[in-house]
Each structure stands twice: as structure tokens, then as C-alpha cells.
Amino acid sequence: MYQIVAARGAMNGLMTQVIGSYILDHLLDDADHTPEAKQRDPDELVAALKMYIK
């Protein structure tokens, strides 16, 4: 049971990293976003994602 819980936590952490990277590389990589928004927006999305995954 402990191994299942540990594996689930590891997969959730990995998924958060993959989605966060995708957000940075693909969703906010256009000229319409200011440099400040490019830094702030992914942080907000990743924080919301982390809350959802828990």
C-alpha cells in the first residue's frame, strides 16, 4: 500500500513538471504576452495545477 501511495505521489509530481513545461514552451510562447506576464502566468497556472492534483 505504501508503495502505491509513493508511486502516485511521484507520478503527480512528474505530471506537474511536464504540464508546467508545456505551458512555458507552447502556451505562453507568443508575442502577445509581456515578459512580466510570461513569468507570472505560468506560475499561477502551475500553482493551480498543484492544488488540483492534491
PDB file of N, CA and C in Angstrom:
ATOM      1  N   MET A   1       0.828  -1.188   0.000  1.00  0.00           N
ATOM      2  CA  MET A   1       0.000   0.000   0.000  1.00  0.00           C
ATOM      3  C   MET A   1       0.879   1.261   0.000  1.00  0.00           C
ATOM      4  N   TYR A   2       1.959   1.240   0.790  1.00  0.00           N
ATOM      5  CA  TYR A   2       2.832   2.408   0.848  1.00  0.00           C
ATOM      6  C   TYR A   2       3.494   2.665  -0.499  1.00  0.00           C
ATOM      7  N   GLN A   3       3.836   1.608  -1.188  1.00  0.00           N
ATOM      8  CA  GLN A   3       4.475   1.775  -2.497  1.00  0.00           C
ATOM      9  C   GLN A   3       3.510   2.373  -3.510  1.00  0.00           C
ATOM     10  N   ILE A   4       2.266   2.015  -3.424  1.00  0.00           N
ATOM     11  CA  ILE A   4       1.255   2.575  -4.325  1.00  0.00           C
ATOM     12  C   ILE A   4       1.090   4.064  -4.073  1.00  0.00           C
ATOM     13  N   VAL A   5       1.031   4.437  -2.812  1.00  0.00           N
ATOM     14  CA  VAL A   5       0.887   5.845  -2.463  1.00  0.00           C
ATOM     15  C   VAL A   5       2.120   6.632  -2.904  1.00  0.00           C
ATOM     16  N   ALA A   6       3.296   6.068  -2.705  1.00  0.00           N
ATOM     17  CA  ALA A   6       4.528   6.736  -3.121  1.00  0.00           C
ATOM     18  C   ALA A   6       4.586   6.880  -4.644  1.00  0.00           C
ATOM     19  N   ALA A   7       4.173   5.853  -5.358  1.00  0.00           N
ATOM     20  CA  ALA A   7       4.170   5.908  -6.819  1.00  0.00           C
ATOM     21  C   ALA A   7       3.183   6.964  -7.318  1.00  0.00           C
ATOM     22  N   ARG A   8       2.042   7.040  -6.681  1.00  0.00           N
ATOM     23  CA  ARG A   8       1.046   8.044  -7.065  1.00  0.00           C
ATOM     24  C   ARG A   8       1.607   9.452  -6.861  1.00  0.00           C
ATOM     25  N   GLY A   9       2.268   9.690  -5.741  1.00  0.00           N
ATOM     26  CA  GLY A   9       2.872  10.995  -5.486  1.00  0.00           C
ATOM     27  C   GLY A   9       3.937  11.331  -6.510  1.00  0.00           C
ATOM     28  N   ALA A  10       4.748  10.356  -6.854  1.00  0.00           N
ATOM     29  CA  ALA A  10       5.793  10.580  -7.849  1.00  0.00           C
ATOM     30  C   ALA A  10       5.196  10.886  -9.218  1.00  0.00           C
ATOM     31  N   MET A  11       4.156  10.175  -9.601  1.00  0.00           N
ATOM     32  CA  MET A  11       3.520  10.417 -10.895  1.00  0.00           C
ATOM     33  C   MET A  11       2.858  11.786 -10.934  1.00  0.00           C
ATOM     34  N   ASN A  12       2.240  12.185  -9.831  1.00  0.00           N
ATOM     35  CA  ASN A  12       1.631  13.514  -9.779  1.00  0.00           C
ATOM     36  C   ASN A  12       2.690  14.602  -9.906  1.00  0.00           C
ATOM     37  N   GLY A  13       3.818  14.416  -9.242  1.00  0.00           N
ATOM     38  CA  GLY A  13       4.904  15.387  -9.354  1.00  0.00           C
ATOM     39  C   GLY A  13       5.452  15.461 -10.762  1.00  0.00           C
ATOM     40  N   LEU A  14       5.621  14.311 -11.392  1.00  0.00           N
ATOM     41  CA  LEU A  14       6.109  14.276 -12.770  1.00  0.00           C
ATOM     42  C   LEU A  14       5.115  14.945 -13.709  1.00  0.00           C
ATOM     43  N   MET A  15       3.835  14.651 -13.539  1.00  0.00           N
ATOM     44  CA  MET A  15       2.811  15.243 -14.398  1.00  0.00           C
ATOM     45  C   MET A  15       2.785  16.762 -14.234  1.00  0.00           C
ATOM     46  N   THR A  16       2.961  17.249 -13.022  1.00  0.00           N
ATOM     47  CA  THR A  16       3.001  18.690 -12.786  1.00  0.00           C
ATOM     48  C   THR A  16       4.170  19.322 -13.532  1.00  0.00           C
ATOM     49  N   GLN A  17       5.325  18.680 -13.489  1.00  0.00           N
ATOM     50  CA  GLN A  17       6.501  19.201 -14.190  1.00  0.00           C
ATOM     51  C   GLN A  17       6.291  19.193 -15.708  1.00  0.00           C
ATOM     52  N   VAL A  18       5.718  18.134 -16.236  1.00  0.00           N
ATOM     53  CA  VAL A  18       5.506  18.026 -17.681  1.00  0.00           C
ATOM     54  C   VAL A  18       4.513  19.084 -18.151  1.00  0.00           C
ATOM     55  N   ILE A  19       3.413  19.243 -17.433  1.00  0.00           N
ATOM     56  CA  ILE A  19       2.414  20.229 -17.834  1.00  0.00           C
ATOM     57  C   ILE A  19       2.967  21.645 -17.666  1.00  0.00           C
ATOM     58  N   GLY A  20       3.712  21.882 -16.592  1.00  0.00           N
ATOM     59  CA  GLY A  20       4.322  23.195 -16.404  1.00  0.00           C
ATOM     60  C   GLY A  20       5.277  23.541 -17.529  1.00  0.00           C
ATOM     61  N   SER A  21       6.067  22.571 -17.946  1.00  0.00           N
ATOM     62  CA  SER A  21       6.988  22.782 -19.059  1.00  0.00           C
ATOM     63  C   SER A  21       6.227  23.047 -20.347  1.00  0.00           C
ATOM     64  N   TYR A  22       5.152  22.329 -20.557  1.00  0.00           N
ATOM     65  CA  TYR A  22       4.331  22.531 -21.754  1.00  0.00           C
ATOM     66  C   TYR A  22       3.748  23.943 -21.766  1.00  0.00           C
ATOM     67  N   ILE A  23       3.263  24.389 -20.606  1.00  0.00           N
ATOM     68  CA  ILE A  23       2.703  25.736 -20.507  1.00  0.00           C
ATOM     69  C   ILE A  23       3.754  26.767 -20.901  1.00  0.00           C
ATOM     70  N   LEU A  24       4.943  26.628 -20.367  1.00  0.00           N
ATOM     71  CA  LEU A  24       6.011  27.583 -20.673  1.00  0.00           C
ATOM     72  C   LEU A  24       6.413  27.555 -22.134  1.00  0.00           C
ATOM     73  N   ASP A  25       6.548  26.372 -22.688  1.00  0.00           N
ATOM     74  CA  ASP A  25       7.083  26.228 -24.038  1.00  0.00           C
ATOM     75  C   ASP A  25       6.076  26.479 -25.150  1.00  0.00           C
ATOM     76  N   HIS A  26       4.805  26.181 -24.904  1.00  0.00           N
ATOM     77  CA  HIS A  26       3.842  26.217 -26.004  1.00  0.00           C
ATOM     78  C   HIS A  26       2.716  27.222 -25.821  1.00  0.00           C
ATOM     79  N   LEU A  27       2.177  27.338 -24.650  1.00  0.00           N
ATOM     80  CA  LEU A  27       1.006  28.188 -24.486  1.00  0.00           C
ATOM     81  C   LEU A  27       1.360  29.663 -24.343  1.00  0.00           C
ATOM     82  N   LEU A  28       2.481  29.963 -23.732  1.00  0.00           N
ATOM     83  CA  LEU A  28       2.837  31.359 -23.494  1.00  0.00           C
ATOM     84  C   LEU A  28       4.018  31.813 -24.322  1.00  0.00           C
ATOM     85  N   ASP A  29       4.247  31.156 -25.431  1.00  0.00           N
ATOM     86  CA  ASP A  29       5.401  31.477 -26.271  1.00  0.00           C
ATOM     87  C   ASP A  29       4.981  32.291 -27.489  1.00  0.00           C
ATOM     88  N   ASP A  30       4.208  33.344 -27.263  1.00  0.00           N
ATOM     89  CA  ASP A  30       3.819  34.185 -28.383  1.00  0.00           C
ATOM     90  C   ASP A  30       4.122  35.647 -28.071  1.00  0.00           C
ATOM     91  N   ALA A  31       4.025  36.474 -29.060  1.00  0.00           N
ATOM     92  CA  ALA A  31       4.408  37.881 -28.917  1.00  0.00           C
ATOM     93  C   ALA A  31       3.380  38.703 -28.150  1.00  0.00           C
ATOM     94  N   ASP A  32       2.180  38.165 -27.949  1.00  0.00           N
ATOM     95  CA  ASP A  32       1.126  38.920 -27.280  1.00  0.00           C
ATOM     96  C   ASP A  32       1.348  39.054 -25.775  1.00  0.00           C
ATOM     97  N   HIS A  33       2.203  38.247 -25.200  1.00  0.00           N
ATOM     98  CA  HIS A  33       2.436  38.279 -23.758  1.00  0.00           C
ATOM     99  C   HIS A  33       3.661  39.135 -23.442  1.00  0.00           C
ATOM    100  N   THR A  34       3.523  39.988 -22.441  1.00  0.00           N
ATOM    101  CA  THR A  34       4.659  40.791 -21.985  1.00  0.00           C
ATOM    102  C   THR A  34       5.623  39.887 -21.224  1.00  0.00           C
ATOM    103  N   PRO A  35       6.865  40.310 -21.055  1.00  0.00           N
ATOM    104  CA  PRO A  35       7.812  39.486 -20.278  1.00  0.00           C
ATOM    105  C   PRO A  35       7.327  39.218 -18.844  1.00  0.00           C
ATOM    106  N   GLU A  36       6.669  40.218 -18.253  1.00  0.00           N
ATOM    107  CA  GLU A  36       6.153  40.027 -16.895  1.00  0.00           C
ATOM    108  C   GLU A  36       5.055  38.962 -16.879  1.00  0.00           C
ATOM    109  N   ALA A  37       4.177  39.014 -17.874  1.00  0.00           N
ATOM    110  CA  ALA A  37       3.089  38.033 -17.943  1.00  0.00           C
ATOM    111  C   ALA A  37       3.636  36.636 -18.213  1.00  0.00           C
ATOM    112  N   LYS A  38       4.694  36.552 -19.026  1.00  0.00           N
ATOM    113  CA  LYS A  38       5.286  35.246 -19.310  1.00  0.00           C
ATOM    114  C   LYS A  38       5.865  34.612 -18.055  1.00  0.00           C
ATOM    115  N   GLN A  39       6.305  35.428 -17.100  1.00  0.00           N
ATOM    116  CA  GLN A  39       6.825  34.892 -15.844  1.00  0.00           C
ATOM    117  C   GLN A  39       5.701  34.602 -14.853  1.00  0.00           C
ATOM    118  N   ARG A  40       4.731  35.499 -14.762  1.00  0.00           N
ATOM    119  CA  ARG A  40       3.664  35.387 -13.772  1.00  0.00           C
ATOM    120  C   ARG A  40       2.620  34.324 -14.155  1.00  0.00           C
ATOM    121  N   ASP A  41       2.170  34.344 -15.382  1.00  0.00           N
ATOM    122  CA  ASP A  41       1.083  33.465 -15.798  1.00  0.00           C
ATOM    123  C   ASP A  41       1.387  31.985 -15.621  1.00  0.00           C
ATOM    124  N   PRO A  42       2.550  31.487 -16.040  1.00  0.00           N
ATOM    125  CA  PRO A  42       2.804  30.057 -15.835  1.00  0.00           C
ATOM    126  C   PRO A  42       2.894  29.690 -14.361  1.00  0.00           C
ATOM    127  N   ASP A  43       3.419  30.605 -13.541  1.00  0.00           N
ATOM    128  CA  ASP A  43       3.489  30.323 -12.110  1.00  0.00           C
ATOM    129  C   ASP A  43       2.095  30.148 -11.523  1.00  0.00           C
ATOM    130  N   GLU A  44       1.158  30.998 -11.961  1.00  0.00           N
ATOM    131  CA  GLU A  44      -0.217  30.897 -11.482  1.00  0.00           C
ATOM    132  C   GLU A  44      -0.877  29.605 -11.963  1.00  0.00           C
ATOM    133  N   LEU A  45      -0.641  29.246 -13.219  1.00  0.00           N
ATOM    134  CA  LEU A  45      -1.236  28.019 -13.753  1.00  0.00           C
ATOM    135  C   LEU A  45      -0.676  26.777 -13.071  1.00  0.00           C
ATOM    136  N   VAL A  46       0.627  26.754 -12.844  1.00  0.00           N
ATOM    137  CA  VAL A  46       1.245  25.604 -12.195  1.00  0.00           C
ATOM    138  C   VAL A  46       0.778  25.504 -10.742  1.00  0.00           C
ATOM    139  N   ALA A  47       0.627  26.639 -10.060  1.00  0.00           N
ATOM    140  CA  ALA A  47       0.121  26.622  -8.682  1.00  0.00           C
ATOM    141  C   ALA A  47      -1.302  26.064  -8.647  1.00  0.00           C
ATOM    142  N   ALA A  48      -2.129  26.470  -9.596  1.00  0.00           N
ATOM    143  CA  ALA A  48      -3.498  25.936  -9.655  1.00  0.00           C
ATOM    144  C   ALA A  48      -3.478  24.449  -9.964  1.00  0.00           C
ATOM    145  N   LEU A  49      -2.593  24.029 -10.838  1.00  0.00           N
ATOM    146  CA  LEU A  49      -2.466  22.614 -11.180  1.00  0.00           C
ATOM    147  C   LEU A  49      -2.060  21.799  -9.966  1.00  0.00           C
ATOM    148  N   LYS A  50      -1.093  22.298  -9.191  1.00  0.00           N
ATOM    149  CA  LYS A  50      -0.655  21.591  -7.998  1.00  0.00           C
ATOM    150  C   LYS A  50      -1.784  21.439  -6.996  1.00  0.00           C
ATOM    151  N   MET A  51      -2.604  22.497  -6.852  1.00  0.00           N
ATOM    152  CA  MET A  51      -3.741  22.401  -5.929  1.00  0.00           C
ATOM    153  C   MET A  51      -4.753  21.375  -6.427  1.00  0.00           C
ATOM    154  N   TYR A  52      -4.963  21.315  -7.734  1.00  0.00           N
ATOM    155  CA  TYR A  52      -5.929  20.367  -8.295  1.00  0.00           C
ATOM    156  C   TYR A  52      -5.464  18.933  -8.133  1.00  0.00           C
ATOM    157  N   ILE A  53      -4.173  18.682  -8.341  1.00  0.00           N
ATOM    158  CA  ILE A  53      -3.653  17.316  -8.282  1.00  0.00           C
ATOM    159  C   ILE A  53      -3.693  16.758  -6.872  1.00  0.00           C
ATOM    160  N   LYS A  54      -3.509  17.608  -5.858  1.00  0.00           N
ATOM    161  CA  LYS A  54      -3.529  17.115  -4.484  1.00  0.00           C
ATOM    162  C   LYS A  54      -4.848  16.556  -4.208  1.00  0.00           C
TER     163      LYS A  54
END
